[in-house]
Protein backbone atom coordinates (compact mmCIF):
# COMPACT_ATOMS: atom_id res chain seq x y z
CA UNK A 1 -9.66 -7.81 -16.79
CA UNK A 2 -9.28 -5.03 -14.22
CA UNK A 3 -12.71 -3.59 -15.01
CA UNK A 4 -14.33 -6.76 -13.58
CA UNK A 5 -12.69 -6.38 -10.16
CA UNK A 6 -14.67 -4.37 -7.56
CA UNK A 7 -13.05 -2.51 -4.67
CA UNK A 8 -11.67 -4.83 -2.02
CA UNK A 9 -11.86 -7.90 -4.25
CA UNK A 10 -9.24 -9.88 -6.14
CA UNK A 11 -9.29 -11.17 -9.69
CA UNK A 12 -8.65 -14.56 -8.10
CA UNK A 13 -11.91 -14.50 -6.08
CA UNK A 14 -14.29 -17.16 -7.46
CA UNK A 15 -17.23 -14.72 -7.41
CA UNK A 16 -15.24 -12.21 -9.49
CA UNK A 17 -14.03 -14.87 -11.90
CA UNK A 18 -17.61 -15.99 -12.60
CA UNK A 19 -18.29 -12.56 -14.14
CA UNK A 20 -14.99 -12.46 -16.03
CA UNK A 21 -14.49 -13.99 -19.51
CA UNK A 22 -12.41 -17.17 -19.21
CA UNK A 23 -9.61 -15.79 -21.36
CA UNK A 24 -9.15 -12.87 -18.93
CA UNK A 25 -9.13 -14.83 -15.67
CA UNK A 26 -5.82 -14.88 -13.81
CA UNK A 27 -4.74 -18.43 -13.16
CA UNK A 28 -2.13 -17.98 -10.46
CA UNK A 29 -1.02 -15.66 -7.72
CA UNK A 30 -1.46 -14.99 -4.04
CA UNK A 31 -4.90 -14.35 -2.56
CA UNK A 32 -4.38 -10.58 -2.75
CA UNK A 33 -2.92 -10.55 -6.28
CA UNK A 34 -4.94 -8.48 -8.76
CA UNK A 35 -6.75 -6.85 -5.83
CA UNK A 36 -8.41 -3.46 -6.06
CA UNK A 37 -7.87 -1.00 -3.20
CA UNK A 38 -10.91 0.22 -1.27
CA UNK A 39 -10.91 3.99 -1.74
CA UNK A 40 -12.64 4.78 1.56
CA UNK A 41 -10.46 2.48 3.70
CA UNK A 42 -6.93 2.87 5.07
CA UNK A 43 -4.24 2.01 2.58
CA UNK A 44 -2.95 -1.55 2.42
CA UNK A 45 0.73 -2.34 2.74
CA UNK A 46 2.62 -1.10 -0.31
CA UNK A 47 5.43 -3.23 -1.71
CA UNK A 48 8.02 -2.33 -4.33
CA UNK A 49 5.80 -3.91 -7.01
CA UNK A 50 2.83 -1.60 -6.45
CA UNK A 51 2.89 -0.43 -10.09
CA UNK A 52 2.12 -3.98 -11.26
CA UNK A 53 -1.57 -5.05 -11.07
CA UNK A 54 -0.65 -8.69 -10.45
CA UNK A 55 1.15 -7.61 -7.29
CA UNK A 56 -0.53 -7.42 -3.92
CA UNK A 57 -3.45 -5.03 -3.48
CA UNK A 58 -2.37 -2.24 -5.83
CA UNK A 59 -5.15 -1.66 -8.38
CA UNK A 60 -6.46 1.91 -8.30
CA UNK A 61 -9.83 2.13 -6.49
CA UNK A 62 -11.76 3.72 -9.38
CA UNK A 63 -9.56 3.45 -12.47
CA UNK A 64 -8.53 0.27 -14.27
CA UNK A 65 -4.78 0.55 -13.67
CA UNK A 66 -2.10 0.06 -11.06
CA UNK A 67 -1.09 2.85 -8.73
CA UNK A 68 1.29 5.56 -9.93
CA UNK A 69 4.53 6.40 -8.14
CA UNK A 70 2.91 9.43 -6.46
CA UNK A 71 -0.19 7.44 -5.43
CA UNK A 72 2.01 4.75 -3.90
CA UNK A 73 3.90 7.44 -2.00
CA UNK A 74 0.61 8.88 -0.73
CA UNK A 75 -0.46 5.42 0.46
CA UNK A 76 2.76 5.32 2.48
CA UNK A 77 1.95 8.79 3.92
CA UNK A 78 4.70 10.69 2.07
CA UNK A 79 3.62 14.31 1.54
CA UNK A 80 3.19 15.44 -2.07
CA UNK A 81 6.12 17.83 -1.76
CA UNK A 82 8.51 14.93 -1.03
CA UNK A 83 10.71 14.25 -4.06
CA UNK A 84 12.14 10.80 -4.83
CA UNK A 85 15.44 10.59 -6.71
CA UNK A 86 16.43 7.94 -9.24
CA UNK A 87 14.85 5.80 -11.90
CA UNK A 88 11.26 4.57 -11.73
CA UNK A 89 12.49 1.25 -10.33
CA UNK A 90 14.58 3.03 -7.69
CA UNK A 91 11.60 5.21 -6.70
CA UNK A 92 9.36 2.15 -6.38
CA UNK A 93 12.00 0.52 -4.18
CA UNK A 94 12.32 3.61 -1.97
CA UNK A 95 8.54 3.79 -1.49
CA UNK A 96 7.94 0.06 -1.11
CA UNK A 97 10.75 -0.48 1.40
CA UNK A 98 10.04 2.63 3.46
CA UNK A 99 8.61 2.80 6.92
CA UNK A 100 5.65 5.14 6.33
CA UNK A 101 6.62 8.59 7.65
CA UNK A 102 3.50 8.92 9.81
CA UNK A 103 4.18 5.50 11.35
CA UNK A 104 7.78 6.50 12.02
CA UNK A 105 6.57 9.70 13.66
CA UNK A 106 4.09 7.80 15.85
CA UNK A 107 6.75 5.31 16.92
CA UNK A 108 9.22 8.10 17.67
CA UNK A 109 6.65 10.01 19.74
CA UNK A 110 5.78 6.85 21.65
CA UNK A 111 9.45 6.19 22.45
CA UNK A 112 9.93 9.81 23.52
CA UNK A 113 6.87 9.61 25.80
CA UNK A 114 8.18 6.38 27.35
CA UNK A 115 11.58 7.99 28.00
CA UNK A 116 9.98 11.08 29.53
CA UNK A 117 7.72 8.91 31.73
CA UNK A 118 10.72 6.86 32.89
CA UNK A 119 12.59 10.07 33.79
CA UNK A 120 9.63 11.30 35.86
CA UNK A 121 9.43 8.00 37.73
CA UNK A 122 13.19 8.06 38.35
CA UNK A 123 13.17 11.62 39.74
CA UNK A 124 10.25 10.81 42.08
CA UNK A 125 12.07 7.78 43.51
C-alpha cells in the first residue's frame, strides 16, 4: 500500500485511493494518516507513534516504510550523536514528546534577548 502514496499525500486521499487496489485501501484514520513526508520540505510534527505508518505523517519520503528511531530524532532536530536510553517504546516517547532542541534554543535566545532589551530600557530610564 505504501508504494502508492506519493510525497505529501495520504493513503486516504481520494486521488491516491483511485490508483490503489481496493484490498489495500485504508478505510479509516485522520486526514494525515498514512501520509508520506515531503523530503525537500521542513519536517512535520513528530508524535510518539512515528514508527507506525498509519500514524500522522510518518512514512519515509523515498522508501516504503515508517521512519526509524534515528530518523524521527533527526526530524525533531536532535543531533546524531545524541543517545536515547530505554526500550524502543521509551525512545519513541522521548522523541515524540520532546520540544525540538533547535526550537528550544530559539525560544531561549528570544527570551534572553527580551530580558537584555528590558535591562537596557530600565538603565536608560
